[in-house]
Protein backbone atom coordinates (compact mmCIF):
# COMPACT_ATOMS: atom_id res chain seq x y z
CA MET A 1 -9.22 31.22 -21.54
CA ARG A 2 -5.69 30.31 -22.56
CA ILE A 3 -4.61 29.94 -18.92
CA THR A 4 -7.60 27.95 -17.66
CA THR A 5 -7.54 25.35 -20.43
CA PRO A 6 -4.01 24.04 -19.62
CA ILE A 7 -4.81 24.12 -15.91
CA ALA A 8 -7.99 22.10 -16.48
CA ILE A 9 -6.09 19.55 -18.58
CA ILE A 10 -3.41 19.17 -15.88
CA ALA A 11 -6.07 18.80 -13.15
CA ILE A 12 -7.89 16.10 -15.13
CA ALA A 13 -4.61 14.24 -15.82
CA LEU A 14 -3.62 14.30 -12.16
CA ALA A 15 -7.08 13.23 -10.99
CA GLY A 16 -6.74 10.19 -13.22
CA CYS A 17 -3.67 9.12 -11.23
CA ALA A 18 -5.55 8.68 -7.95
CA SER A 19 -5.81 5.08 -6.86
CA LYS A 20 -8.81 3.13 -5.65
CA PRO A 21 -8.96 0.51 -2.86
CA VAL A 22 -9.02 -3.11 -3.98
CA PRO A 23 -11.50 -5.46 -2.24
CA ASP A 24 -10.06 -8.65 -0.78
CA ALA A 25 -11.82 -10.79 -3.37
CA ALA A 26 -9.93 -8.97 -6.15
CA THR A 27 -6.56 -8.76 -4.34
CA ARG A 28 -3.73 -10.92 -5.70
CA TRP A 29 -1.93 -12.08 -2.56
CA VAL A 30 1.87 -12.08 -2.79
CA ARG A 31 4.13 -14.27 -0.69
CA PRO A 32 6.08 -11.99 1.70
CA ALA A 33 9.78 -12.38 2.44
CA LEU A 34 9.09 -13.44 6.05
CA ASN A 35 6.52 -14.58 8.59
CA GLU A 36 3.77 -15.82 6.31
CA THR A 37 2.41 -18.21 8.95
CA ALA A 38 0.86 -17.10 12.24
CA LYS A 39 2.10 -18.37 15.58
CA PRO A 40 0.00 -18.13 18.76
CA GLY A 41 -0.09 -14.53 19.96
CA ASP A 42 1.13 -13.00 16.68
CA ALA A 43 -0.38 -9.85 15.23
CA ALA A 44 -1.42 -9.64 11.56
CA LEU A 45 -0.27 -6.83 9.28
CA ILE A 46 -1.95 -6.57 5.89
CA VAL A 47 -0.79 -4.16 3.20
CA LYS A 48 -2.78 -3.89 -0.04
CA ARG A 49 -1.77 -1.80 -3.00
CA ASP A 50 -4.61 0.15 -4.57
CA ALA A 51 -5.65 -0.15 -8.19
CA ASN A 52 -3.90 2.57 -10.18
CA THR A 53 -4.06 4.13 -13.59
CA GLY A 54 -1.52 5.78 -15.87
CA MET A 55 2.17 5.75 -15.00
CA ALA A 56 1.51 4.64 -11.41
CA LEU A 57 0.36 1.29 -12.77
CA VAL A 58 3.90 0.17 -13.68
CA CYS A 59 5.70 1.39 -10.55
CA PRO A 60 6.40 -1.26 -7.87
CA HIS A 61 5.83 -0.32 -4.23
CA ARG A 62 8.45 -1.96 -1.97
CA ILE A 63 6.87 -2.64 1.41
CA SER A 64 9.14 -3.00 4.45
CA LEU A 65 8.62 -3.73 8.12
CA ASP A 66 11.15 -2.34 10.58
CA GLU A 67 13.46 -1.64 7.59
CA VAL A 68 13.30 -5.26 6.35
CA PRO A 69 11.89 -5.53 2.80
CA LEU A 70 8.80 -7.76 2.63
CA ALA A 71 7.60 -7.58 -0.98
CA ASP A 72 7.37 -5.44 -4.09
CA LEU A 73 3.67 -4.88 -4.73
CA MET A 74 2.24 -4.17 -8.13
CA ASP A 75 -1.23 -2.89 -8.90
CA GLY A 76 -3.93 -4.74 -6.89
CA GLU A 77 -1.51 -6.97 -4.93
CA GLY A 78 -1.36 -7.48 -1.18
CA ILE A 79 0.68 -9.16 1.56
CA ARG A 80 -0.18 -10.58 4.95
CA VAL A 81 2.54 -11.08 7.59
CA TYR A 82 2.45 -12.13 11.22
CA VAL A 83 4.74 -10.51 13.78
CA THR A 84 5.12 -9.85 17.48
CA PRO A 85 2.46 -7.40 18.70
CA GLY A 86 3.66 -3.89 19.52
CA ARG A 87 5.11 -0.86 17.79
CA HIS A 88 6.54 -1.34 14.29
CA ILE A 89 7.56 0.88 11.39
CA VAL A 90 6.01 0.14 7.98
CA GLY A 91 7.61 1.72 4.94
CA MET A 92 6.81 2.02 1.25
CA ALA A 93 9.22 3.15 -1.45
CA HIS A 94 9.56 2.88 -5.19
CA THR A 95 12.18 0.49 -6.53
CA SER A 96 12.94 2.01 -9.92
CA LEU A 97 13.03 5.20 -11.97
CA PRO A 98 11.04 7.05 -13.31
CA CYS A 99 8.72 6.10 -10.47
CA ASP A 100 10.36 8.19 -7.78
CA ASN A 101 7.37 10.20 -6.62
CA GLY A 102 7.88 9.81 -2.91
CA GLY A 103 7.49 7.16 -0.30
CA SER A 104 5.80 6.75 3.01
CA VAL A 105 6.69 5.60 6.52
CA VAL A 106 4.15 5.03 9.28
CA ALA A 107 4.41 3.82 12.85
CA VAL A 108 1.79 1.23 13.78
CA ILE A 109 0.91 -0.55 16.98
CA LEU A 110 -0.01 -4.10 16.05
CA ASP A 111 -2.48 -6.00 18.22
CA ALA A 112 -3.03 -9.77 18.16
CA LYS A 113 -6.80 -9.27 18.53
CA GLU A 114 -7.38 -7.48 15.23
CA PRO A 115 -5.40 -7.22 11.98
CA THR A 116 -3.90 -3.88 11.02
CA VAL A 117 -4.68 -3.09 7.38
CA LEU A 118 -2.85 -0.43 5.35
CA ARG A 119 -3.39 0.82 1.81
CA SER A 120 -0.45 1.66 -0.41
CA ALA A 121 -2.18 4.43 -2.31
CA THR A 122 -1.46 7.06 -4.94
CA GLY A 123 -3.11 10.43 -4.36
CA PRO A 124 -4.58 12.77 -6.99
CA ASP A 125 -1.26 14.67 -6.93
CA GLY A 126 0.63 11.50 -7.89
CA LYS A 127 2.30 11.18 -4.46
CA VAL A 128 2.21 7.83 -2.71
CA ALA A 129 1.32 7.11 0.90
CA LEU A 130 0.52 4.32 3.33
CA THR A 131 -2.88 4.98 4.83
CA PRO A 132 -5.12 3.06 7.24
CA ALA A 133 -7.80 0.86 5.73
CA VAL A 134 -10.85 -0.82 7.19
CA PRO A 135 -10.33 -4.59 7.61
CA GLU A 136 -12.75 -6.76 5.65
CA ALA A 137 -14.23 -9.85 7.25
CA SER A 138 -12.17 -12.11 4.97
CA VAL A 139 -8.81 -10.79 6.21
CA ALA A 140 -9.52 -11.37 9.89
CA HIS A 141 -8.79 -15.11 9.66
């Protein structure tokens, strides 16, 4: 009994750190550092930070594209940038201590026909990752 109680408390605490996707209507859109306006033939990249709880709530996620910083996203924020279609590297890292619980880098192939949407999410273990998300109708404009 003594062993299972602390384990259960830790499991509940970690489960509370998992993030939840934010719908477009609730997303606070942040102005990115570059390419906010689409040109003919551009591909759209959308990155939305999930809603978090606990310590993850105060930790900024710095989003970069091909190693160029785009924005620092806080809880429930998102960015939309337009770039040349093709292969790109999207990264996410924390910008301050004590929030150093990992980062994430993903390769994406951007297509002008459909936006690529990523979630900047915190898992139940507290680790962060960029994961694919389903585009909503409102982001396809």
